[in-house]
């Protein structure tokens, strides 16, 4: 009797949820079809909220077929596969009245292709599919792998063409882990993740895997510096001085830029060089176009008056080493430790395209930290320590003899 009641409750719950949907003509009851759109469409795991929003599965490309099953505030819930759902912003969805759900979708042949350009930095995997379907990806370490779950699809892949000219991808294989979920495994040749980008080209899902730089000397690399906040986004405020975070992150960023150039780093890019409003979404898009070899985002923290120190943050486990090396150098400079935080939901930690770390330099709300923040000599010290953290990270990637 208990199971009958549970079944009835479940049916009632699903019926109520489907009633929230405004169905276009001709669509089956309970869902409607849509396509992803917008600048950076992100899938979220849940309706949970903190100041940075709910936990994110990651970005998806535009024009991906979505099955919308519910409406909750500013979000739609979408059915990714039989047992998986996710949430995304309504602004990132548009109805698709031309498409119809097929009984099934299939993967076809796969092939690797190297970037043969003079300055080629990627090796790519092309996965042939019937339709642009949603996916999520993540990094694994020891050994280094890129993992991708493609939702709503069955495998008809009977060959995967791999090439000896590929420089970063060691091996590719898949498993049909559920009736309608194909899991892709891309093994890497190096232990350090250098980034990857996923996008559709026609009906190919393309995974562009960034190669480890041939020369790991920092002078040869493109370094991106992000001065947090800016313009209308003021950030935290000094407890005694009332200086703003946006003002001082820019001073720290310029100090780091100056120090890098003094060390012979010629290719340094800045997300902002003055007090301008530059939204985080647009920063990410700009950085994805610039393709730096690493990114450091600089911020100043705020809490109760007693909390002090430096902390670093990362989203993807494959990028954690950069954040830990930077924190180690900040502690070596005498800063208290506020910790290293993983799976951080900050937008500039979200990209998988390049190693990145966020540094909260010190606390504007702590009197001792605030005095340091105001001193130009401390700006120069932080620049030196961040530089050394990046160099330590690069040295950890070198093989003997490099």
Protein backbone atom coordinates (compact mmCIF):
# COMPACT_ATOMS: atom_id res chain seq x y z
CA UNK A 1 0.00 0.00 0.00
CA UNK A 2 2.91 2.33 0.85
CA UNK A 3 4.34 2.01 -2.69
CA UNK A 4 0.94 2.75 -4.28
CA UNK A 5 0.65 5.92 -2.20
CA UNK A 6 4.17 6.98 -3.13
CA UNK A 7 3.43 6.42 -6.80
CA UNK A 8 0.26 8.51 -6.53
CA UNK A 9 2.13 11.32 -4.77
CA UNK A 10 4.86 11.24 -7.41
CA UNK A 11 2.30 11.32 -10.24
CA UNK A 12 0.48 14.20 -8.58
CA UNK A 13 3.78 16.10 -8.12
CA UNK A 14 4.78 15.66 -11.75
CA UNK A 15 1.29 16.65 -12.91
CA UNK A 16 1.46 19.84 -10.87
CA UNK A 17 4.89 20.68 -12.24
CA UNK A 18 3.77 20.20 -15.84
CA UNK A 19 0.84 22.54 -15.26
CA UNK A 20 3.36 25.36 -14.77
CA UNK A 21 4.36 25.10 -18.42
CA UNK A 22 2.67 27.20 -21.08
CA UNK A 23 2.63 24.68 -23.92
CA UNK A 24 2.85 25.88 -27.50
CA UNK A 25 0.38 24.32 -29.96
CA UNK A 26 1.21 20.80 -31.07
CA UNK A 27 3.64 19.99 -28.24
CA UNK A 28 3.05 16.88 -26.09
CA UNK A 29 1.84 17.60 -22.54
CA UNK A 30 4.45 18.11 -19.87
CA UNK A 31 7.27 19.75 -21.81
CA UNK A 32 8.23 21.96 -24.71
CA UNK A 33 11.33 22.21 -26.85
CA UNK A 34 13.75 25.10 -26.77
CA UNK A 35 17.25 26.12 -27.83
CA UNK A 36 19.97 27.65 -25.70
CA UNK A 37 21.00 31.20 -26.47
CA UNK A 38 22.80 34.06 -24.77
CA UNK A 39 26.39 34.95 -24.01
CA UNK A 40 27.29 32.26 -21.47
CA UNK A 41 24.52 29.72 -20.93
CA UNK A 42 25.15 27.83 -17.70
CA UNK A 43 23.44 24.73 -16.38
CA UNK A 44 22.87 24.65 -12.61
CA UNK A 45 22.48 21.54 -10.49
CA UNK A 46 19.76 22.86 -8.22
CA UNK A 47 17.63 25.76 -7.06
CA UNK A 48 20.01 26.37 -4.16
CA UNK A 49 21.31 29.90 -3.77
CA UNK A 50 24.21 31.71 -2.19
CA UNK A 51 25.65 35.10 -3.09
CA UNK A 52 27.19 33.60 -6.24
CA UNK A 53 24.11 31.62 -7.27
CA UNK A 54 23.50 27.88 -7.30
CA UNK A 55 26.23 25.32 -7.99
CA UNK A 56 26.94 25.16 -11.73
CA UNK A 57 27.48 22.15 -13.98
CA UNK A 58 29.21 24.41 -16.48
CA UNK A 59 28.68 26.28 -19.73
CA UNK A 60 26.92 24.91 -22.78
CA UNK A 61 27.06 26.19 -26.35
CA UNK A 62 24.25 28.09 -28.06
CA UNK A 63 21.53 26.44 -30.19
CA UNK A 64 21.46 23.24 -28.10
CA UNK A 65 18.15 21.37 -28.07
CA UNK A 66 16.52 21.48 -24.62
CA UNK A 67 13.45 19.80 -23.17
CA UNK A 68 11.82 22.29 -20.78
CA UNK A 69 9.72 20.61 -18.08
CA UNK A 70 9.16 23.29 -15.45
CA UNK A 71 9.26 27.00 -14.69
CA UNK A 72 10.59 28.24 -11.34
CA UNK A 73 10.96 32.00 -10.91
CA UNK A 74 13.62 33.23 -13.33
CA UNK A 75 14.73 29.67 -14.19
CA UNK A 76 13.56 26.83 -16.39
CA UNK A 77 14.10 23.21 -15.43
CA UNK A 78 15.20 21.04 -18.34
CA UNK A 79 15.23 17.26 -18.74
CA UNK A 80 18.76 16.35 -19.82
CA UNK A 81 18.21 12.60 -19.88
CA UNK A 82 15.96 10.05 -18.25
CA UNK A 83 17.46 10.51 -14.79
CA UNK A 84 19.07 13.96 -15.02
CA UNK A 85 17.64 17.48 -14.92
CA UNK A 86 19.20 20.92 -14.60
CA UNK A 87 18.22 24.58 -14.33
CA UNK A 88 19.10 27.54 -16.51
CA UNK A 89 18.12 31.17 -16.80
CA UNK A 90 15.00 31.90 -18.83
CA UNK A 91 16.90 34.66 -20.61
CA UNK A 92 19.17 31.93 -22.06
CA UNK A 93 16.30 29.97 -23.63
CA UNK A 94 14.15 30.44 -26.72
CA UNK A 95 11.29 28.23 -27.90
CA UNK A 96 11.88 25.90 -30.83
CA UNK A 97 8.58 25.20 -32.58
CA UNK A 98 10.24 23.70 -35.66
CA UNK A 99 11.94 20.70 -34.02
CA UNK A 100 10.35 17.51 -32.75
CA UNK A 101 11.75 14.96 -30.33
CA UNK A 102 13.04 11.85 -32.07
CA UNK A 103 12.69 8.42 -30.49
CA UNK A 104 16.47 8.40 -30.01
CA UNK A 105 19.66 10.26 -30.97
CA UNK A 106 22.95 8.60 -31.86
CA UNK A 107 26.65 9.30 -31.81
CA UNK A 108 28.52 8.35 -34.98
CA UNK A 109 32.26 8.18 -35.78
CA UNK A 110 34.83 10.21 -33.84
CA UNK A 111 38.16 11.58 -35.01
CA UNK A 112 41.10 13.55 -33.68
CA UNK A 113 42.55 16.53 -35.53
CA UNK A 114 45.70 18.48 -34.62
CA UNK A 115 45.97 22.24 -34.93
CA UNK A 116 48.54 22.42 -37.74
CA UNK A 117 48.89 26.22 -37.76
CA UNK A 118 52.25 27.86 -37.14
CA UNK A 119 51.25 28.77 -33.58
CA UNK A 120 48.83 25.90 -33.05
CA UNK A 121 47.97 25.37 -29.40
CA UNK A 122 45.20 22.75 -29.48
CA UNK A 123 44.39 19.18 -30.39
CA UNK A 124 40.71 18.56 -31.10
CA UNK A 125 38.32 15.66 -30.82
CA UNK A 126 35.34 15.71 -33.21
CA UNK A 127 32.29 13.71 -32.02
CA UNK A 128 29.67 13.22 -34.74
CA UNK A 129 26.06 13.37 -33.49
CA UNK A 130 22.49 13.54 -34.81
CA UNK A 131 21.64 16.69 -32.88
CA UNK A 132 23.16 19.41 -30.71
CA UNK A 133 22.47 17.99 -27.26
CA UNK A 134 23.43 19.20 -23.76
CA UNK A 135 26.56 18.03 -21.97
CA UNK A 136 28.64 18.65 -18.89
CA UNK A 137 32.38 18.26 -18.40
CA UNK A 138 34.88 18.02 -15.57
CA UNK A 139 38.55 17.43 -14.94
CA UNK A 140 40.16 14.49 -13.20
CA UNK A 141 43.73 14.28 -11.95
CA UNK A 142 46.37 11.62 -11.27
CA UNK A 143 46.19 10.78 -14.14
CA UNK A 144 44.91 13.86 -15.93
CA UNK A 145 41.65 13.32 -17.83
CA UNK A 146 38.85 15.38 -19.35
CA UNK A 147 35.45 13.80 -18.73
CA UNK A 148 32.30 14.67 -20.67
CA UNK A 149 28.76 13.36 -20.22
CA UNK A 150 26.59 13.83 -23.31
CA UNK A 151 22.90 13.69 -22.38
CA UNK A 152 19.96 12.24 -24.25
CA UNK A 153 22.01 10.11 -26.65
CA UNK A 154 22.87 6.50 -27.44
CA UNK A 155 26.13 5.32 -28.92
CA UNK A 156 26.50 4.10 -32.46
CA UNK A 157 30.24 4.87 -32.45
CA UNK A 158 32.12 1.92 -33.91
CA UNK A 159 35.43 3.66 -34.60
CA UNK A 160 37.50 6.46 -33.11
CA UNK A 161 40.33 7.64 -35.35
CA UNK A 162 43.42 8.66 -33.33
CA UNK A 163 46.58 10.18 -34.81
CA UNK A 164 50.26 9.94 -33.90
CA UNK A 165 50.62 13.68 -34.67
CA UNK A 166 48.40 14.57 -31.70
CA UNK A 167 50.51 16.25 -28.99
CA UNK A 168 48.28 16.39 -25.91
CA UNK A 169 45.55 13.76 -26.19
CA UNK A 170 46.90 10.40 -25.07
CA UNK A 171 43.78 8.28 -25.55
CA UNK A 172 40.04 8.60 -26.18
CA UNK A 173 37.26 6.17 -25.33
CA UNK A 174 33.64 6.15 -24.18
CA UNK A 175 31.14 4.25 -22.06
CA UNK A 176 27.36 4.13 -22.32
CA UNK A 177 26.91 4.74 -18.60
CA UNK A 178 23.12 5.04 -18.82
CA UNK A 179 20.57 4.22 -21.51
CA UNK A 180 20.76 7.80 -22.76
CA UNK A 181 24.08 9.12 -21.42
CA UNK A 182 27.41 8.63 -23.19
CA UNK A 183 30.52 9.34 -21.12
CA UNK A 184 33.62 10.48 -23.02
CA UNK A 185 37.08 10.03 -21.49
CA UNK A 186 40.04 11.98 -22.88
CA UNK A 187 43.34 10.96 -21.31
CA UNK A 188 46.07 13.61 -21.40
CA UNK A 189 49.80 13.17 -21.93
CA UNK A 190 50.79 15.70 -19.26
CA UNK A 191 49.79 15.68 -15.62
CA UNK A 192 48.82 19.35 -15.59
CA UNK A 193 45.57 20.50 -17.21
CA UNK A 194 46.10 23.49 -19.51
CA UNK A 195 42.46 23.92 -20.49
CA UNK A 196 39.89 22.89 -23.07
CA UNK A 197 36.97 24.42 -24.93
CA UNK A 198 33.78 22.60 -25.94
CA UNK A 199 31.52 23.85 -28.74
CA UNK A 200 29.45 22.56 -31.64
CA UNK A 201 30.55 22.89 -35.26
CA UNK A 202 27.55 21.72 -37.23
CA UNK A 203 26.54 18.43 -35.64
CA UNK A 204 30.05 17.75 -34.37
CA UNK A 205 30.69 18.28 -30.69
CA UNK A 206 34.27 19.57 -30.75
CA UNK A 207 36.57 19.38 -27.74
CA UNK A 208 39.64 21.58 -28.31
CA UNK A 209 42.28 20.47 -25.81
CA UNK A 210 45.00 23.00 -25.05
CA UNK A 211 48.54 21.69 -25.32
CA UNK A 212 51.10 22.24 -22.60
CA UNK A 213 53.27 25.16 -23.75
CA UNK A 214 56.48 23.99 -25.38
CA UNK A 215 58.43 26.58 -23.35
CA UNK A 216 57.35 26.90 -19.73
CA UNK A 217 59.38 30.03 -19.03
CA UNK A 218 56.96 32.72 -17.94
CA UNK A 219 58.61 35.24 -20.28
CA UNK A 220 57.28 33.21 -23.22
CA UNK A 221 53.66 33.03 -22.05
CA UNK A 222 50.56 35.22 -22.18
CA UNK A 223 49.55 36.22 -18.66
CA UNK A 224 46.11 37.72 -17.91
CA UNK A 225 45.46 39.91 -14.88
CA UNK A 226 41.93 40.72 -13.74
CA UNK A 227 41.41 43.70 -11.43
CA UNK A 228 38.22 42.70 -9.65
CA UNK A 229 35.13 44.93 -9.75
CA UNK A 230 35.25 48.41 -11.35
CA UNK A 231 32.87 51.15 -12.42
CA UNK A 232 29.42 50.61 -10.92
CA UNK A 233 30.63 47.42 -9.23
CA UNK A 234 32.38 48.96 -6.22
CA UNK A 235 33.05 45.83 -4.16
CA UNK A 236 34.07 46.00 -0.49
CA UNK A 237 34.94 49.14 1.45
CA UNK A 238 37.73 49.84 3.92
CA UNK A 239 36.59 49.78 7.53
CA UNK A 240 38.63 52.83 8.59
CA UNK A 241 39.82 54.40 5.33
CA UNK A 242 36.60 53.79 3.35
CA UNK A 243 38.65 53.17 0.21
CA UNK A 244 36.92 50.90 -2.29
CA UNK A 245 37.89 47.45 -3.47
CA UNK A 246 37.56 48.45 -7.14
CA UNK A 247 40.13 51.23 -6.66
CA UNK A 248 42.74 49.09 -4.95
CA UNK A 249 42.42 45.93 -6.99
CA UNK A 250 43.37 48.10 -9.96
CA UNK A 251 46.44 49.37 -8.08
CA UNK A 252 47.48 45.81 -7.27
CA UNK A 253 46.84 44.73 -10.88
CA UNK A 254 49.02 47.54 -12.23
CA UNK A 255 51.76 46.67 -9.74
CA UNK A 256 51.67 43.06 -10.94
CA UNK A 257 51.71 44.14 -14.57
CA UNK A 258 54.75 46.36 -13.88
CA UNK A 259 56.59 43.58 -12.06
CA UNK A 260 55.91 40.99 -14.78
CA UNK A 261 57.26 43.35 -17.43
CA UNK A 262 60.34 44.02 -15.31
CA UNK A 263 60.94 40.27 -15.37
CA UNK A 264 60.77 40.15 -19.15
CA UNK A 265 57.15 39.04 -19.58
CA UNK A 266 56.14 40.84 -22.77
CA UNK A 267 52.61 39.47 -23.27
CA UNK A 268 50.55 40.74 -20.32
CA UNK A 269 46.86 41.49 -20.80
CA UNK A 270 44.53 43.31 -18.38
CA UNK A 271 40.75 43.02 -18.18
CA UNK A 272 40.68 46.68 -17.19
CA UNK A 273 43.22 49.48 -16.84
CA UNK A 274 40.93 52.17 -15.42
CA UNK A 275 37.76 52.54 -13.38
CA UNK A 276 35.32 51.15 -15.91
CA UNK A 277 32.27 48.94 -15.70
CA UNK A 278 33.11 45.60 -17.29
CA UNK A 279 30.64 42.83 -16.44
CA UNK A 280 32.06 39.44 -15.48
CA UNK A 281 30.26 37.70 -18.34
CA UNK A 282 31.90 40.03 -20.83
CA UNK A 283 35.26 39.58 -19.10
CA UNK A 284 35.03 35.82 -19.54
CA UNK A 285 34.06 36.14 -23.20
CA UNK A 286 36.94 38.54 -23.81
CA UNK A 287 39.40 36.24 -22.05
CA UNK A 288 38.19 33.26 -24.05
CA UNK A 289 39.01 35.23 -27.20
CA UNK A 290 42.44 36.22 -25.86
CA UNK A 291 43.34 32.66 -24.77
CA UNK A 292 45.89 33.46 -22.04
CA UNK A 293 48.14 30.73 -20.69
CA UNK A 294 46.97 31.60 -17.19
CA UNK A 295 44.73 34.12 -15.40
CA UNK A 296 44.93 35.64 -11.93
CA UNK A 297 41.92 37.60 -10.65
CA UNK A 298 42.73 40.02 -7.81
CA UNK A 299 40.25 40.91 -5.07
CA UNK A 300 40.07 42.28 -1.53
CA UNK A 301 38.02 40.51 1.13
CA UNK A 302 35.62 41.70 3.79
CA UNK A 303 34.12 40.01 6.86
CA UNK A 304 34.09 40.75 10.59
CA UNK A 305 36.87 42.91 11.96
CA UNK A 306 38.78 39.95 13.41
CA UNK A 307 39.22 37.88 10.22
CA UNK A 308 42.45 38.49 8.33
CA UNK A 309 44.77 37.00 5.75
CA UNK A 310 45.05 35.80 2.17
CA UNK A 311 43.05 33.13 0.37
CA UNK A 312 42.91 31.62 -3.10
CA UNK A 313 40.05 30.04 -5.04
CA UNK A 314 39.53 27.68 -7.95
CA UNK A 315 36.60 25.93 -9.60
CA UNK A 316 38.17 23.02 -11.48
CA UNK A 317 40.43 20.52 -9.73
CA UNK A 318 42.85 20.55 -12.67
CA UNK A 319 43.59 24.22 -12.01
CA UNK A 320 44.07 23.91 -8.24
CA UNK A 321 47.91 23.84 -8.39
CA UNK A 322 48.10 27.45 -9.63
CA UNK A 323 45.97 28.62 -6.70
CA UNK A 324 47.98 26.67 -4.10
CA UNK A 325 51.34 27.95 -5.33
CA UNK A 326 50.13 31.55 -5.19
CA UNK A 327 48.74 31.07 -1.67
CA UNK A 328 52.01 29.50 -0.51
CA UNK A 329 53.92 32.59 -1.64
CA UNK A 330 51.47 34.95 0.05
CA UNK A 331 51.93 33.06 3.33
CA UNK A 332 55.70 33.22 2.84
CA UNK A 333 55.31 37.02 2.78
CA UNK A 334 53.84 36.92 6.29
CA UNK A 335 50.12 36.92 5.52
CA UNK A 336 47.72 34.97 7.72
CA UNK A 337 46.10 31.99 6.02
CA UNK A 338 42.40 32.19 5.20
CA UNK A 339 42.63 29.06 3.06
CA UNK A 340 42.36 27.57 -0.41
CA UNK A 341 38.78 27.05 -1.60
CA UNK A 342 37.72 24.67 -4.35
CA UNK A 343 34.61 24.39 -6.52
CA UNK A 344 34.26 28.15 -6.16
CA UNK A 345 31.26 29.50 -8.03
CA UNK A 346 32.80 32.81 -9.11
CA UNK A 347 32.27 33.47 -12.83
CA UNK A 348 35.94 34.06 -13.67
CA UNK A 349 36.82 30.68 -12.13
CA UNK A 350 34.24 28.94 -14.31
CA UNK A 351 36.07 28.80 -17.67
CA UNK A 352 37.78 25.52 -18.50
CA UNK A 353 39.77 27.22 -21.29
CA UNK A 354 42.91 28.17 -19.30
CA UNK A 355 44.35 27.75 -15.78
CA UNK A 356 42.96 30.42 -13.49
CA UNK A 357 42.97 31.40 -9.83
CA UNK A 358 41.32 34.07 -7.74
CA UNK A 359 43.38 35.75 -5.02
CA UNK A 360 41.74 37.56 -2.12
CA UNK A 361 44.81 39.54 -1.11
CA UNK A 362 43.73 40.71 2.34
CA UNK A 363 40.73 41.97 4.33
CA UNK A 364 39.61 45.58 4.02
CA UNK A 365 37.50 44.95 7.12
CA UNK A 366 40.54 44.08 9.29
CA UNK A 367 42.50 47.03 10.65
CA UNK A 368 45.94 45.39 10.31
CA UNK A 369 45.26 44.12 6.79
CA UNK A 370 43.73 47.45 5.77
CA UNK A 371 46.90 49.33 6.72
CA UNK A 372 48.90 47.00 4.48
CA UNK A 373 46.47 47.41 1.57
CA UNK A 374 46.97 51.18 1.60
CA UNK A 375 50.77 50.98 1.21
CA UNK A 376 52.38 51.02 -2.27
CA UNK A 377 55.22 48.90 -0.82
CA UNK A 378 52.66 46.15 -0.10
CA UNK A 379 51.35 46.37 -3.69
CA UNK A 380 54.90 45.71 -4.89
CA UNK A 381 55.32 42.81 -2.41
CA UNK A 382 52.09 41.16 -3.53
CA UNK A 383 53.15 41.51 -7.18
CA UNK A 384 56.45 39.80 -6.38
CA UNK A 385 54.74 36.94 -4.51
CA UNK A 386 52.09 36.34 -7.20
CA UNK A 387 54.81 36.31 -9.85
CA UNK A 388 56.79 33.77 -7.83
CA UNK A 389 53.67 31.63 -7.35
CA UNK A 390 53.16 31.53 -11.11
CA UNK A 391 56.82 30.64 -11.67
CA UNK A 392 56.59 27.87 -9.03
CA UNK A 393 53.52 26.53 -10.82
CA UNK A 394 55.32 26.48 -14.16
CA UNK A 395 58.41 24.84 -12.65
CA UNK A 396 56.22 22.07 -11.20
CA UNK A 397 55.12 21.23 -14.76
CA UNK A 398 58.63 20.88 -16.13
CA UNK A 399 60.26 17.56 -16.78
CA UNK A 400 63.96 17.10 -15.86
CA UNK A 401 66.13 19.03 -18.29
CA UNK A 402 63.55 21.70 -19.16
